[in-house]
């Protein structure tokens, strides 16, 4: 399974829409087997980001805050979206895999304009 997270300085970026990097964590049998950084300097549209992540083979998105239009675009492409996460990306992925991921509110306060 591949898990993607908005990435900023080794942490889950608190705001999906402002992310210029995404980490894709590859997992197998409940363990992290690799990770890859995707750079997004040009796509700031819902469909483009969703398509980029889906093409990469991602199944799950774990993020901090995310606007409803972006979350819906990701879900329309078949991606599971988990919001309200924070912390170091490998720890967040490991917690998700073990069923121990704790999340808070994940709706961003940007007015849903991104």
Protein backbone atom coordinates (compact mmCIF):
# COMPACT_ATOMS: atom_id res chain seq x y z
CA UNK A 1 0.00 0.00 0.00
CA UNK A 2 1.15 3.54 -0.67
CA UNK A 3 0.29 6.38 1.68
CA UNK A 4 0.77 10.03 0.69
CA UNK A 5 1.11 12.97 3.03
CA UNK A 6 1.73 16.68 2.43
CA UNK A 7 5.32 17.17 3.52
CA UNK A 8 7.15 20.04 5.19
CA UNK A 9 10.52 19.63 6.93
CA UNK A 10 9.93 15.96 7.76
CA UNK A 11 6.47 16.62 9.20
CA UNK A 12 2.91 16.28 7.93
CA UNK A 13 2.14 19.72 6.52
CA UNK A 14 -0.77 21.19 8.46
CA UNK A 15 -2.31 22.58 5.27
CA UNK A 16 -2.71 20.25 2.29
CA UNK A 17 -3.42 23.03 -0.20
CA UNK A 18 -0.20 24.92 0.47
CA UNK A 19 2.05 21.87 0.13
CA UNK A 20 4.71 21.92 -2.54
CA UNK A 21 6.00 18.51 -1.55
CA UNK A 22 4.29 15.22 -0.82
CA UNK A 23 5.90 12.14 0.66
CA UNK A 24 4.75 8.78 -0.63
CA UNK A 25 5.41 6.05 1.91
CA UNK A 26 5.48 2.51 0.55
CA UNK A 27 4.38 -0.23 2.91
CA UNK A 28 4.20 -3.99 2.90
CA UNK A 29 2.90 -6.31 5.61
CA UNK A 30 2.36 -3.39 7.98
CA UNK A 31 5.94 -2.11 7.65
CA UNK A 32 7.41 0.91 5.87
CA UNK A 33 9.56 -0.31 2.99
CA UNK A 34 10.44 3.00 1.30
CA UNK A 35 9.56 6.60 0.74
CA UNK A 36 9.68 9.04 -2.12
CA UNK A 37 9.24 12.82 -2.26
CA UNK A 38 7.05 14.25 -5.02
CA UNK A 39 7.46 17.92 -5.81
CA UNK A 40 4.42 19.90 -6.85
CA UNK A 41 5.41 23.34 -8.01
CA UNK A 42 2.77 23.79 -10.69
CA UNK A 43 -0.38 21.88 -9.71
CA UNK A 44 -2.62 23.82 -7.42
CA UNK A 45 -5.86 22.44 -8.73
CA UNK A 46 -7.93 19.73 -7.16
CA UNK A 47 -8.13 17.36 -10.11
CA UNK A 48 -4.45 17.68 -10.99
CA UNK A 49 -3.24 16.86 -7.49
CA UNK A 50 -5.66 13.96 -7.16
CA UNK A 51 -4.58 12.58 -10.53
CA UNK A 52 -0.87 12.94 -9.71
CA UNK A 53 -1.27 11.00 -6.46
CA UNK A 54 -3.51 8.33 -8.00
CA UNK A 55 -1.04 7.85 -10.88
CA UNK A 56 1.69 7.31 -8.29
CA UNK A 57 -0.30 4.37 -6.93
CA UNK A 58 -1.39 6.05 -3.70
CA UNK A 59 -4.38 4.55 -1.91
CA UNK A 60 -4.51 6.62 1.31
CA UNK A 61 -3.96 10.33 1.95
CA UNK A 62 -3.11 11.37 5.50
CA UNK A 63 -3.06 15.11 6.07
CA UNK A 64 -3.42 17.86 8.62
CA UNK A 65 -6.04 20.37 7.45
CA UNK A 66 -7.68 20.06 4.07
CA UNK A 67 -10.45 22.01 2.38
CA UNK A 68 -13.65 20.19 1.53
CA UNK A 69 -13.34 20.65 -2.28
CA UNK A 70 -9.86 19.07 -2.27
CA UNK A 71 -10.93 16.22 0.00
CA UNK A 72 -13.89 15.52 -2.28
CA UNK A 73 -11.66 15.56 -5.40
CA UNK A 74 -9.34 13.00 -3.78
CA UNK A 75 -12.25 10.81 -2.73
CA UNK A 76 -13.76 10.93 -6.23
CA UNK A 77 -10.57 9.33 -7.56
CA UNK A 78 -10.95 6.50 -5.06
CA UNK A 79 -8.46 7.71 -2.46
CA UNK A 80 -9.17 7.35 1.25
CA UNK A 81 -8.65 10.69 3.02
CA UNK A 82 -7.73 10.93 6.70
CA UNK A 83 -7.39 14.46 8.05
CA UNK A 84 -6.34 15.99 11.33
CA UNK A 85 -2.98 14.21 11.57
CA UNK A 86 0.25 15.83 12.70
CA UNK A 87 3.82 14.87 13.43
CA UNK A 88 6.79 13.24 11.78
CA UNK A 89 5.70 11.44 8.58
CA UNK A 90 7.22 8.05 9.33
CA UNK A 91 5.67 8.01 12.81
CA UNK A 92 2.26 9.00 11.38
CA UNK A 93 2.49 6.24 8.75
CA UNK A 94 3.54 3.67 11.36
CA UNK A 95 0.68 4.71 13.64
CA UNK A 96 -1.79 4.39 10.75
CA UNK A 97 -0.48 0.93 9.88
CA UNK A 98 -0.78 -0.24 13.49
CA UNK A 99 -4.29 1.21 13.87
CA UNK A 100 -3.13 3.74 16.45
CA UNK A 101 -3.25 6.99 14.46
CA UNK A 102 -4.88 9.74 16.51
CA UNK A 103 -6.31 12.66 14.55
CA UNK A 104 -7.88 15.98 15.49
CA UNK A 105 -10.12 18.25 13.43
CA UNK A 106 -9.04 18.30 9.82
CA UNK A 107 -11.12 21.01 8.20
CA UNK A 108 -8.94 23.94 7.30
CA UNK A 109 -10.02 27.49 7.96
CA UNK A 110 -9.28 28.88 4.51
CA UNK A 111 -12.90 29.22 3.47
CA UNK A 112 -12.69 26.24 1.12
CA UNK A 113 -11.25 28.30 -1.71
CA UNK A 114 -8.42 26.00 -2.70
